[in-house]
Amino acid sequence: MPKKCPPLPAELRALGEDRGNGGFLSNDDEEALADFCAGVDLPEIEFSTWRDLHYSLDLVLTISLSRQEARQGGSREVKFVRTIRENSAEKRQKAPGTKKLKSKESASALISWPPQVLPGTVFTLVAQGDRRESHRGDVKITIRIS
């Protein structure tokens, strides 16, 4: 069941009173805020569900091309750093007392674009992004023309 915005906390109202202006918000502002919040639904969601929805293993990069490069087509080496998180019993044996191991790894890829490439074109390097145990994200490279 969705929740409505909560009322303005007493601590915030008291903050305004401490400053001598009679309240944090004017009565009109507080009513406007209440009206706004009446139309806002906040869904109930477990933290683990939120984390799974918002924790992306994808890396998002942008490369800038000149107009001439975009017109002619070409290729370029793109360098990036990915994060690797592991939570395996084998890795924990190597580093006792740790729950998860996190490391960084430098990587690169050769990106080729066709002649007349458009700004906003996205190239995806499948399974080349961040890693968490057996899950791998993608590297998404967007073309910008300057």
C-alpha atoms as a PDB file:
ATOM      1  CA  MET A   1       0.000   0.000   0.000  1.00  0.00           C
ATOM      2  CA  PRO A   2       1.531   3.359  -1.020  1.00  0.00           C
ATOM      3  CA  LYS A   3       2.289   5.894   1.692  1.00  0.00           C
ATOM      4  CA  LYS A   4       1.516   9.601   1.549  1.00  0.00           C
ATOM      5  CA  CYS A   5       4.097  12.286   2.295  1.00  0.00           C
ATOM      6  CA  PRO A   6       4.511  12.592   6.058  1.00  0.00           C
ATOM      7  CA  PRO A   7       3.592  15.807   7.856  1.00  0.00           C
ATOM      8  CA  LEU A   8       6.363  18.353   8.330  1.00  0.00           C
ATOM      9  CA  PRO A   9       8.414  17.170  11.316  1.00  0.00           C
ATOM     10  CA  ALA A  10       8.075  19.141  14.532  1.00  0.00           C
ATOM     11  CA  GLU A  11      11.868  19.609  14.569  1.00  0.00           C
ATOM     12  CA  LEU A  12      11.676  21.626  11.351  1.00  0.00           C
ATOM     13  CA  ARG A  13       8.795  23.711  12.634  1.00  0.00           C
ATOM     14  CA  ALA A  14      10.733  24.345  15.854  1.00  0.00           C
ATOM     15  CA  LEU A  15      13.804  25.400  13.855  1.00  0.00           C
ATOM     16  CA  GLY A  16      11.865  28.318  12.425  1.00  0.00           C
ATOM     17  CA  GLU A  17      10.444  29.211  15.821  1.00  0.00           C
ATOM     18  CA  ASP A  18      13.975  29.316  17.271  1.00  0.00           C
ATOM     19  CA  ARG A  19      14.860  31.888  14.632  1.00  0.00           C
ATOM     20  CA  GLY A  20      11.975  34.074  15.735  1.00  0.00           C
ATOM     21  CA  ASN A  21       9.909  33.950  12.559  1.00  0.00           C
ATOM     22  CA  GLY A  22       7.075  31.907  14.045  1.00  0.00           C
ATOM     23  CA  GLY A  23       7.750  28.710  12.129  1.00  0.00           C
ATOM     24  CA  PHE A  24       9.835  27.024   9.478  1.00  0.00           C
ATOM     25  CA  LEU A  25       7.131  27.509   6.850  1.00  0.00           C
ATOM     26  CA  SER A  26       4.347  30.025   6.657  1.00  0.00           C
ATOM     27  CA  ASN A  27       0.831  28.620   7.044  1.00  0.00           C
ATOM     28  CA  ASP A  28       0.256  29.122   3.299  1.00  0.00           C
ATOM     29  CA  ASP A  29       3.469  27.273   2.457  1.00  0.00           C
ATOM     30  CA  GLU A  30       2.631  24.455   4.853  1.00  0.00           C
ATOM     31  CA  GLU A  31      -0.846  24.099   3.295  1.00  0.00           C
ATOM     32  CA  ALA A  32       0.661  24.116  -0.209  1.00  0.00           C
ATOM     33  CA  LEU A  33       3.128  21.431   0.834  1.00  0.00           C
ATOM     34  CA  ALA A  34       0.312  19.335   2.347  1.00  0.00           C
ATOM     35  CA  ASP A  35      -1.733  19.698  -0.874  1.00  0.00           C
ATOM     36  CA  PHE A  36       1.250  18.638  -2.946  1.00  0.00           C
ATOM     37  CA  CYS A  37       1.982  15.651  -0.729  1.00  0.00           C
ATOM     38  CA  ALA A  38      -1.645  14.539  -0.850  1.00  0.00           C
ATOM     39  CA  GLY A  39      -1.110  13.700  -4.529  1.00  0.00           C
ATOM     40  CA  VAL A  40       2.193  11.875  -4.085  1.00  0.00           C
ATOM     41  CA  ASP A  41       2.253   8.116  -3.561  1.00  0.00           C
ATOM     42  CA  LEU A  42       5.400   6.584  -2.101  1.00  0.00           C
ATOM     43  CA  PRO A  43       5.445   2.842  -2.766  1.00  0.00           C
ATOM     44  CA  GLU A  44       6.422   0.415  -0.045  1.00  0.00           C
ATOM     45  CA  ILE A  45       9.664  -1.265  -1.062  1.00  0.00           C
ATOM     46  CA  GLU A  46      12.153  -3.470   0.717  1.00  0.00           C
ATOM     47  CA  PHE A  47      15.745  -2.228   0.756  1.00  0.00           C
ATOM     48  CA  SER A  48      17.009  -5.332  -1.042  1.00  0.00           C
ATOM     49  CA  THR A  49      14.479  -4.740  -3.835  1.00  0.00           C
ATOM     50  CA  TRP A  50      15.483  -1.065  -4.105  1.00  0.00           C
ATOM     51  CA  ARG A  51      19.179  -2.009  -4.171  1.00  0.00           C
ATOM     52  CA  ASP A  52      18.628  -4.560  -6.937  1.00  0.00           C
ATOM     53  CA  LEU A  53      16.730  -1.990  -8.993  1.00  0.00           C
ATOM     54  CA  HIS A  54      19.261   0.825  -8.485  1.00  0.00           C
ATOM     55  CA  TYR A  55      22.589  -0.928  -8.284  1.00  0.00           C
ATOM     56  CA  SER A  56      23.785  -1.198 -11.828  1.00  0.00           C
ATOM     57  CA  LEU A  57      26.922  -2.984 -12.905  1.00  0.00           C
ATOM     58  CA  ASP A  58      26.895  -1.067 -16.189  1.00  0.00           C
ATOM     59  CA  LEU A  59      29.564   1.538 -16.901  1.00  0.00           C
ATOM     60  CA  VAL A  60      28.448   4.582 -18.868  1.00  0.00           C
ATOM     61  CA  LEU A  61      31.062   6.466 -20.885  1.00  0.00           C
ATOM     62  CA  THR A  62      31.013   9.247 -23.464  1.00  0.00           C
ATOM     63  CA  ILE A  63      33.516   9.824 -26.224  1.00  0.00           C
ATOM     64  CA  SER A  64      33.723  13.095 -28.123  1.00  0.00           C
ATOM     65  CA  LEU A  65      34.312  13.061 -31.846  1.00  0.00           C
ATOM     66  CA  SER A  66      35.049  15.980 -34.111  1.00  0.00           C
ATOM     67  CA  ARG A  67      32.612  16.553 -36.964  1.00  0.00           C
ATOM     68  CA  GLN A  68      35.228  15.232 -39.362  1.00  0.00           C
ATOM     69  CA  GLU A  69      35.716  12.012 -37.349  1.00  0.00           C
ATOM     70  CA  ALA A  70      31.947  11.493 -37.204  1.00  0.00           C
ATOM     71  CA  ARG A  71      31.598  12.120 -40.938  1.00  0.00           C
ATOM     72  CA  GLN A  72      34.466   9.833 -41.976  1.00  0.00           C
ATOM     73  CA  GLY A  73      34.064   7.014 -39.454  1.00  0.00           C
ATOM     74  CA  GLY A  74      36.969   5.566 -37.562  1.00  0.00           C
ATOM     75  CA  SER A  75      38.059   3.875 -34.379  1.00  0.00           C
ATOM     76  CA  ARG A  76      39.537   4.777 -31.022  1.00  0.00           C
ATOM     77  CA  GLU A  77      40.823   2.933 -27.986  1.00  0.00           C
ATOM     78  CA  VAL A  78      38.654   3.616 -24.958  1.00  0.00           C
ATOM     79  CA  LYS A  79      40.151   3.006 -21.519  1.00  0.00           C
ATOM     80  CA  PHE A  80      38.071   2.441 -18.397  1.00  0.00           C
ATOM     81  CA  VAL A  81      38.295   1.008 -14.892  1.00  0.00           C
ATOM     82  CA  ARG A  82      35.858  -1.611 -13.694  1.00  0.00           C
ATOM     83  CA  THR A  83      35.109  -2.705 -10.156  1.00  0.00           C
ATOM     84  CA  ILE A  84      35.164  -6.381  -9.267  1.00  0.00           C
ATOM     85  CA  ARG A  85      33.351  -7.567  -6.133  1.00  0.00           C
ATOM     86  CA  GLU A  86      33.591 -11.157  -5.008  1.00  0.00           C
ATOM     87  CA  ASN A  87      31.966 -12.950  -2.127  1.00  0.00           C
ATOM     88  CA  SER A  88      33.209 -16.498  -2.498  1.00  0.00           C
ATOM     89  CA  ALA A  89      34.433 -18.869   0.173  1.00  0.00           C
ATOM     90  CA  GLU A  90      37.655 -19.405  -1.784  1.00  0.00           C
ATOM     91  CA  LYS A  91      38.438 -15.668  -1.815  1.00  0.00           C
ATOM     92  CA  ARG A  92      37.570 -15.300   1.880  1.00  0.00           C
ATOM     93  CA  GLN A  93      40.074 -18.037   2.716  1.00  0.00           C
ATOM     94  CA  LYS A  94      42.783 -15.908   1.128  1.00  0.00           C
ATOM     95  CA  ALA A  95      41.721 -12.874   3.165  1.00  0.00           C
ATOM     96  CA  PRO A  96      40.136 -14.131   6.415  1.00  0.00           C
ATOM     97  CA  GLY A  97      37.651 -11.886   8.144  1.00  0.00           C
ATOM     98  CA  THR A  98      36.403 -10.229   4.994  1.00  0.00           C
ATOM     99  CA  LYS A  99      32.901 -10.644   3.700  1.00  0.00           C
ATOM    100  CA  LYS A 100      33.416  -9.199   0.257  1.00  0.00           C
ATOM    101  CA  LEU A 101      36.515  -8.447  -1.718  1.00  0.00           C
ATOM    102  CA  LYS A 102      36.595  -5.429  -3.976  1.00  0.00           C
ATOM    103  CA  SER A 103      39.245  -4.600  -6.540  1.00  0.00           C
ATOM    104  CA  LYS A 104      39.693  -2.320  -9.519  1.00  0.00           C
ATOM    105  CA  GLU A 105      40.815  -3.472 -12.928  1.00  0.00           C
ATOM    106  CA  SER A 106      41.935  -1.351 -15.861  1.00  0.00           C
ATOM    107  CA  ALA A 107      40.572  -2.362 -19.233  1.00  0.00           C
ATOM    108  CA  SER A 108      40.335  -0.992 -22.737  1.00  0.00           C
ATOM    109  CA  ALA A 109      38.433  -1.670 -25.913  1.00  0.00           C
ATOM    110  CA  LEU A 110      38.726  -0.575 -29.509  1.00  0.00           C
ATOM    111  CA  ILE A 111      35.539   1.218 -30.553  1.00  0.00           C
ATOM    112  CA  SER A 112      34.808   1.577 -34.264  1.00  0.00           C
ATOM    113  CA  TRP A 113      32.064   3.814 -35.585  1.00  0.00           C
ATOM    114  CA  PRO A 114      30.667   3.971 -39.117  1.00  0.00           C
ATOM    115  CA  PRO A 115      30.773   7.036 -41.365  1.00  0.00           C
ATOM    116  CA  GLN A 116      28.001   9.564 -40.658  1.00  0.00           C
ATOM    117  CA  VAL A 117      27.580   8.372 -37.042  1.00  0.00           C
ATOM    118  CA  LEU A 118      24.976  10.442 -35.200  1.00  0.00           C
ATOM    119  CA  PRO A 119      25.377  12.091 -31.800  1.00  0.00           C
ATOM    120  CA  GLY A 120      23.763  10.017 -29.079  1.00  0.00           C
ATOM    121  CA  THR A 121      24.626   6.712 -30.760  1.00  0.00           C
ATOM    122  CA  VAL A 122      25.354   4.127 -28.061  1.00  0.00           C
ATOM    123  CA  PHE A 123      27.755   1.226 -28.449  1.00  0.00           C
ATOM    124  CA  THR A 124      27.456  -1.586 -25.907  1.00  0.00           C
ATOM    125  CA  LEU A 125      30.294  -3.843 -24.851  1.00  0.00           C
ATOM    126  CA  VAL A 126      28.389  -6.781 -23.401  1.00  0.00           C
ATOM    127  CA  ALA A 127      29.660  -8.194 -20.068  1.00  0.00           C
ATOM    128  CA  GLN A 128      32.683  -5.860 -19.970  1.00  0.00           C
ATOM    129  CA  GLY A 129      31.489  -3.617 -17.109  1.00  0.00           C
ATOM    130  CA  ASP A 130      31.632  -3.979 -13.343  1.00  0.00           C
ATOM    131  CA  ARG A 131      31.402  -7.484 -11.899  1.00  0.00           C
ATOM    132  CA  ARG A 132      29.707  -8.800  -8.800  1.00  0.00           C
ATOM    133  CA  GLU A 133      30.267 -12.494  -8.256  1.00  0.00           C
ATOM    134  CA  SER A 134      28.946 -14.158 -11.438  1.00  0.00           C
ATOM    135  CA  HIS A 135      27.058 -11.047 -12.651  1.00  0.00           C
ATOM    136  CA  ARG A 136      28.648  -8.775 -15.239  1.00  0.00           C
ATOM    137  CA  GLY A 137      27.529  -5.370 -16.389  1.00  0.00           C
ATOM    138  CA  ASP A 138      27.934  -3.843 -19.813  1.00  0.00           C
ATOM    139  CA  VAL A 139      29.990  -0.845 -20.914  1.00  0.00           C
ATOM    140  CA  LYS A 140      27.757   1.665 -22.714  1.00  0.00           C
ATOM    141  CA  ILE A 141      29.613   4.241 -24.781  1.00  0.00           C
ATOM    142  CA  THR A 142      27.701   7.251 -26.104  1.00  0.00           C
ATOM    143  CA  ILE A 143      28.967   9.318 -29.022  1.00  0.00           C
ATOM    144  CA  ARG A 144      29.123  13.086 -28.607  1.00  0.00           C
ATOM    145  CA  ILE A 145      30.041  15.281 -31.545  1.00  0.00           C
ATOM    146  CA  SER A 146      31.797  18.554 -30.779  1.00  0.00           C
END
